[in-house]
Amino acid sequence: MADVSIPLWLIASFIALWLGFRLSHLMHEGAADSRAPNTARALVTVYCLSVTAILTEVGLTDSLPRTVQLSCLLIAAVTALMQLLQIWTEKPIPGKDCQGRDTME
C-alpha cells in the first residue's frame, strides 16, 4: 500500500503547488492597484505554507531514496519562498523602477 500512496501524495502535492502559484500570482496582480486585502493575502499564505508542510512531510518519508528526499525538501523551500514573495511584494508600476523613479526608454 505504501508503494502506491507516496506517488499519489507527490502528484497531489504538485497539483496543490500549482494552485498555490495561481493564487499567489493573483495576489501579486491585485497588489498593484490595492485590490488584494491583507486578509486574502494571509489566507493564501496559510494555504501555501500548508502545502509546503505536506510536501516536506512526504519528502521526509524513510521509504524514499535520499536524493528524492532532498529534491522534495528543496522544491518545498524554493516554491514557498517564491510564493511568499509573490504574495507580499507589490507589482512594479510600468515606467517606474523599484524605487519609484521614472525610467527612461
N, C-alpha and C. Protein backbone atom coordinates (compact mmCIF):
# COMPACT_ATOMS: atom_id res chain seq x y z
N MET A 1 0.81 -1.19 0.00
CA MET A 1 0.00 0.00 0.00
C MET A 1 0.86 1.26 0.00
N ALA A 2 2.00 1.19 0.71
CA ALA A 2 2.88 2.36 0.77
C ALA A 2 3.48 2.67 -0.59
N ASP A 3 3.66 1.65 -1.43
CA ASP A 3 4.23 1.88 -2.76
C ASP A 3 3.31 2.72 -3.63
N VAL A 4 2.02 2.65 -3.40
CA VAL A 4 1.05 3.41 -4.18
C VAL A 4 0.79 4.79 -3.56
N SER A 5 0.82 4.88 -2.26
CA SER A 5 0.42 6.13 -1.61
C SER A 5 1.44 7.26 -1.79
N ILE A 6 2.72 6.95 -1.82
CA ILE A 6 3.74 8.01 -1.95
C ILE A 6 3.63 8.72 -3.31
N PRO A 7 3.56 8.01 -4.43
CA PRO A 7 3.41 8.73 -5.70
C PRO A 7 2.11 9.53 -5.79
N LEU A 8 1.03 9.02 -5.21
CA LEU A 8 -0.23 9.76 -5.21
C LEU A 8 -0.10 11.04 -4.37
N TRP A 9 0.58 10.98 -3.24
CA TRP A 9 0.80 12.17 -2.43
C TRP A 9 1.66 13.17 -3.17
N LEU A 10 2.67 12.69 -3.90
CA LEU A 10 3.51 13.60 -4.67
C LEU A 10 2.72 14.29 -5.78
N ILE A 11 1.88 13.54 -6.48
CA ILE A 11 1.06 14.13 -7.53
C ILE A 11 0.10 15.15 -6.95
N ALA A 12 -0.54 14.81 -5.84
CA ALA A 12 -1.46 15.75 -5.19
C ALA A 12 -0.71 16.99 -4.70
N SER A 13 0.50 16.81 -4.20
CA SER A 13 1.29 17.95 -3.73
C SER A 13 1.66 18.88 -4.88
N PHE A 14 2.02 18.32 -6.01
CA PHE A 14 2.37 19.16 -7.15
C PHE A 14 1.16 19.90 -7.71
N ILE A 15 -0.01 19.28 -7.69
CA ILE A 15 -1.22 19.97 -8.11
C ILE A 15 -1.54 21.10 -7.12
N ALA A 16 -1.36 20.82 -5.83
CA ALA A 16 -1.58 21.85 -4.82
C ALA A 16 -0.56 22.99 -4.96
N LEU A 17 0.68 22.66 -5.33
CA LEU A 17 1.69 23.70 -5.58
C LEU A 17 1.27 24.58 -6.75
N TRP A 18 0.76 23.96 -7.79
CA TRP A 18 0.31 24.72 -8.95
C TRP A 18 -0.80 25.69 -8.54
N LEU A 19 -1.76 25.20 -7.75
CA LEU A 19 -2.83 26.07 -7.29
C LEU A 19 -2.28 27.20 -6.41
N GLY A 20 -1.29 26.90 -5.60
CA GLY A 20 -0.66 27.93 -4.78
C GLY A 20 0.00 29.00 -5.63
N PHE A 21 0.65 28.59 -6.72
CA PHE A 21 1.24 29.57 -7.62
C PHE A 21 0.17 30.42 -8.31
N ARG A 22 -0.93 29.82 -8.67
CA ARG A 22 -2.02 30.59 -9.29
C ARG A 22 -2.57 31.62 -8.30
N LEU A 23 -2.80 31.19 -7.06
CA LEU A 23 -3.32 32.11 -6.06
C LEU A 23 -2.34 33.22 -5.73
N SER A 24 -1.06 32.87 -5.59
CA SER A 24 -0.06 33.90 -5.28
C SER A 24 0.10 34.88 -6.44
N HIS A 25 -0.04 34.39 -7.67
CA HIS A 25 0.04 35.28 -8.82
C HIS A 25 -1.13 36.26 -8.82
N LEU A 26 -2.31 35.78 -8.47
CA LEU A 26 -3.48 36.66 -8.39
C LEU A 26 -3.30 37.71 -7.30
N MET A 27 -2.69 37.34 -6.18
CA MET A 27 -2.41 38.31 -5.12
C MET A 27 -1.40 39.35 -5.61
N HIS A 28 -0.42 38.91 -6.38
CA HIS A 28 0.61 39.82 -6.90
C HIS A 28 0.00 40.79 -7.90
N GLU A 29 -0.87 40.30 -8.76
CA GLU A 29 -1.53 41.16 -9.75
C GLU A 29 -2.47 42.15 -9.07
N GLY A 30 -3.16 41.73 -8.03
CA GLY A 30 -4.09 42.60 -7.34
C GLY A 30 -3.41 43.62 -6.43
N ALA A 31 -2.15 43.37 -6.08
CA ALA A 31 -1.44 44.28 -5.18
C ALA A 31 -1.07 45.58 -5.88
N ALA A 32 -1.02 45.60 -7.19
CA ALA A 32 -0.61 46.81 -7.91
C ALA A 32 -1.63 47.93 -7.76
N ASP A 33 -2.89 47.59 -7.70
CA ASP A 33 -3.90 48.62 -7.55
C ASP A 33 -4.68 48.46 -6.24
N SER A 34 -4.03 47.88 -5.24
CA SER A 34 -4.56 47.74 -3.88
C SER A 34 -5.87 46.96 -3.83
N ARG A 35 -6.03 45.98 -4.70
CA ARG A 35 -7.24 45.17 -4.66
C ARG A 35 -7.07 43.92 -3.80
N ALA A 36 -5.85 43.62 -3.35
CA ALA A 36 -5.62 42.43 -2.56
C ALA A 36 -5.58 42.80 -1.08
N PRO A 37 -6.66 42.56 -0.35
CA PRO A 37 -6.65 42.90 1.07
C PRO A 37 -5.73 41.96 1.86
N ASN A 38 -5.29 42.42 3.00
CA ASN A 38 -4.36 41.64 3.81
C ASN A 38 -4.98 40.34 4.30
N THR A 39 -6.28 40.30 4.49
CA THR A 39 -6.93 39.06 4.91
C THR A 39 -6.79 38.00 3.82
N ALA A 40 -7.00 38.38 2.58
CA ALA A 40 -6.84 37.43 1.47
C ALA A 40 -5.39 36.99 1.35
N ARG A 41 -4.47 37.93 1.50
CA ARG A 41 -3.05 37.57 1.45
C ARG A 41 -2.70 36.58 2.56
N ALA A 42 -3.23 36.80 3.76
CA ALA A 42 -2.95 35.90 4.88
C ALA A 42 -3.50 34.50 4.62
N LEU A 43 -4.71 34.42 4.05
CA LEU A 43 -5.30 33.11 3.76
C LEU A 43 -4.51 32.37 2.69
N VAL A 44 -4.08 33.07 1.67
CA VAL A 44 -3.27 32.44 0.62
C VAL A 44 -1.91 32.02 1.20
N THR A 45 -1.36 32.81 2.10
CA THR A 45 -0.10 32.45 2.75
C THR A 45 -0.26 31.17 3.55
N VAL A 46 -1.34 31.06 4.31
CA VAL A 46 -1.59 29.84 5.09
C VAL A 46 -1.73 28.64 4.17
N TYR A 47 -2.44 28.81 3.06
CA TYR A 47 -2.59 27.71 2.10
C TYR A 47 -1.23 27.27 1.56
N CYS A 48 -0.42 28.24 1.11
CA CYS A 48 0.88 27.91 0.52
C CYS A 48 1.80 27.24 1.54
N LEU A 49 1.78 27.71 2.78
CA LEU A 49 2.63 27.10 3.80
C LEU A 49 2.15 25.71 4.19
N SER A 50 0.84 25.48 4.15
CA SER A 50 0.34 24.14 4.45
C SER A 50 0.72 23.15 3.36
N VAL A 51 0.69 23.59 2.11
CA VAL A 51 1.13 22.73 1.01
C VAL A 51 2.63 22.43 1.14
N THR A 52 3.40 23.44 1.54
CA THR A 52 4.83 23.23 1.76
C THR A 52 5.06 22.23 2.88
N ALA A 53 4.27 22.30 3.94
CA ALA A 53 4.41 21.35 5.05
C ALA A 53 4.08 19.93 4.60
N ILE A 54 3.06 19.78 3.76
CA ILE A 54 2.70 18.45 3.25
C ILE A 54 3.83 17.91 2.38
N LEU A 55 4.36 18.74 1.49
CA LEU A 55 5.45 18.28 0.62
C LEU A 55 6.69 17.96 1.44
N THR A 56 6.94 18.71 2.49
CA THR A 56 8.08 18.43 3.37
C THR A 56 7.90 17.10 4.08
N GLU A 57 6.68 16.84 4.54
CA GLU A 57 6.42 15.56 5.21
C GLU A 57 6.59 14.39 4.26
N VAL A 58 6.11 14.54 3.02
CA VAL A 58 6.30 13.48 2.03
C VAL A 58 7.80 13.30 1.75
N GLY A 59 8.52 14.42 1.70
CA GLY A 59 9.96 14.34 1.44
C GLY A 59 10.75 13.69 2.55
N LEU A 60 10.22 13.70 3.76
CA LEU A 60 10.93 13.11 4.89
C LEU A 60 10.58 11.64 5.12
N THR A 61 9.81 11.06 4.22
CA THR A 61 9.44 9.66 4.33
C THR A 61 10.68 8.79 4.16
N ASP A 62 10.87 7.84 5.07
CA ASP A 62 12.07 7.00 5.05
C ASP A 62 12.11 6.03 3.87
N SER A 63 10.98 5.72 3.29
CA SER A 63 10.96 4.75 2.20
C SER A 63 11.48 5.33 0.88
N LEU A 64 11.62 6.65 0.80
CA LEU A 64 12.13 7.28 -0.42
C LEU A 64 13.65 7.29 -0.42
N PRO A 65 14.25 7.22 -1.60
CA PRO A 65 15.71 7.35 -1.68
C PRO A 65 16.15 8.74 -1.21
N ARG A 66 17.38 8.85 -0.75
CA ARG A 66 17.89 10.10 -0.19
C ARG A 66 17.84 11.24 -1.20
N THR A 67 18.11 10.96 -2.48
CA THR A 67 18.09 12.02 -3.49
C THR A 67 16.69 12.56 -3.71
N VAL A 68 15.68 11.69 -3.65
CA VAL A 68 14.30 12.13 -3.80
C VAL A 68 13.88 12.95 -2.58
N GLN A 69 14.32 12.54 -1.40
CA GLN A 69 14.02 13.31 -0.19
C GLN A 69 14.59 14.72 -0.28
N LEU A 70 15.84 14.82 -0.69
CA LEU A 70 16.47 16.13 -0.81
C LEU A 70 15.80 16.98 -1.88
N SER A 71 15.40 16.35 -2.98
CA SER A 71 14.71 17.08 -4.04
C SER A 71 13.38 17.63 -3.56
N CYS A 72 12.62 16.83 -2.83
CA CYS A 72 11.32 17.28 -2.30
C CYS A 72 11.51 18.43 -1.32
N LEU A 73 12.51 18.34 -0.46
CA LEU A 73 12.75 19.41 0.51
C LEU A 73 13.21 20.68 -0.18
N LEU A 74 14.04 20.55 -1.20
CA LEU A 74 14.50 21.72 -1.94
C LEU A 74 13.35 22.38 -2.71
N ILE A 75 12.52 21.55 -3.34
CA ILE A 75 11.36 22.08 -4.06
C ILE A 75 10.42 22.78 -3.08
N ALA A 76 10.20 22.19 -1.92
CA ALA A 76 9.31 22.80 -0.92
C ALA A 76 9.84 24.16 -0.47
N ALA A 77 11.13 24.25 -0.20
CA ALA A 77 11.71 25.50 0.28
C ALA A 77 11.68 26.59 -0.80
N VAL A 78 12.07 26.23 -2.01
CA VAL A 78 12.14 27.22 -3.10
C VAL A 78 10.74 27.70 -3.48
N THR A 79 9.80 26.79 -3.61
CA THR A 79 8.46 27.21 -4.00
C THR A 79 7.79 28.04 -2.91
N ALA A 80 8.04 27.71 -1.65
CA ALA A 80 7.47 28.52 -0.57
C ALA A 80 8.01 29.94 -0.62
N LEU A 81 9.30 30.07 -0.85
CA LEU A 81 9.91 31.40 -0.94
C LEU A 81 9.35 32.18 -2.13
N MET A 82 9.24 31.52 -3.29
CA MET A 82 8.71 32.18 -4.48
C MET A 82 7.27 32.63 -4.26
N GLN A 83 6.45 31.76 -3.68
CA GLN A 83 5.05 32.11 -3.46
C GLN A 83 4.89 33.24 -2.46
N LEU A 84 5.65 33.20 -1.38
CA LEU A 84 5.54 34.27 -0.38
C LEU A 84 6.01 35.61 -0.93
N LEU A 85 7.03 35.59 -1.76
CA LEU A 85 7.47 36.84 -2.39
C LEU A 85 6.40 37.39 -3.33
N GLN A 86 5.73 36.50 -4.06
CA GLN A 86 4.66 36.95 -4.94
C GLN A 86 3.48 37.51 -4.16
N ILE A 87 3.18 36.92 -3.02
CA ILE A 87 2.03 37.36 -2.24
C ILE A 87 2.29 38.71 -1.58
N TRP A 88 3.46 38.90 -1.01
CA TRP A 88 3.69 40.05 -0.14
C TRP A 88 4.48 41.18 -0.77
N THR A 89 4.91 41.05 -2.01
CA THR A 89 5.58 42.18 -2.67
C THR A 89 4.61 42.81 -3.66
N GLU A 90 4.80 44.08 -3.90
CA GLU A 90 3.92 44.79 -4.81
C GLU A 90 4.45 44.69 -6.24
N LYS A 91 3.52 44.70 -7.16
CA LYS A 91 3.87 44.67 -8.58
C LYS A 91 4.42 46.04 -8.96
N PRO A 92 5.54 46.06 -9.71
CA PRO A 92 6.09 47.36 -10.10
C PRO A 92 5.15 48.12 -11.03
N ILE A 93 5.18 49.42 -10.91
CA ILE A 93 4.36 50.29 -11.75
C ILE A 93 5.08 50.47 -13.08
N PRO A 94 4.40 50.30 -14.22
CA PRO A 94 5.07 50.49 -15.51
C PRO A 94 5.64 51.91 -15.63
N GLY A 95 6.87 52.00 -16.10
CA GLY A 95 7.51 53.29 -16.27
C GLY A 95 8.27 53.75 -15.05
N LYS A 96 8.26 52.95 -13.98
CA LYS A 96 8.97 53.29 -12.74
C LYS A 96 9.95 52.16 -12.41
N ASP A 97 11.06 52.53 -11.75
CA ASP A 97 11.96 51.50 -11.28
C ASP A 97 11.54 51.05 -9.89
N CYS A 98 12.34 50.19 -9.24
CA CYS A 98 11.94 49.63 -7.95
C CYS A 98 11.88 50.66 -6.84
N GLN A 99 12.46 51.84 -7.05
CA GLN A 99 12.42 52.90 -6.04
C GLN A 99 11.42 53.99 -6.38
N GLY A 100 10.63 53.79 -7.42
CA GLY A 100 9.59 54.74 -7.79
C GLY A 100 10.05 55.85 -8.70
N ARG A 101 11.30 55.81 -9.17
CA ARG A 101 11.78 56.85 -10.08
C ARG A 101 11.35 56.53 -11.52
N ASP A 102 11.19 57.57 -12.30
CA ASP A 102 10.85 57.39 -13.72
C ASP A 102 12.01 56.73 -14.46
N THR A 103 11.67 55.81 -15.34
CA THR A 103 12.69 55.18 -16.16
C THR A 103 12.70 55.83 -17.53
N MET A 104 13.85 55.84 -18.13
CA MET A 104 13.97 56.43 -19.48
C MET A 104 13.92 55.29 -20.48
N GLU A 105 13.16 55.47 -21.51
CA GLU A 105 13.06 54.45 -22.55
C GLU A 105 13.69 54.89 -23.82
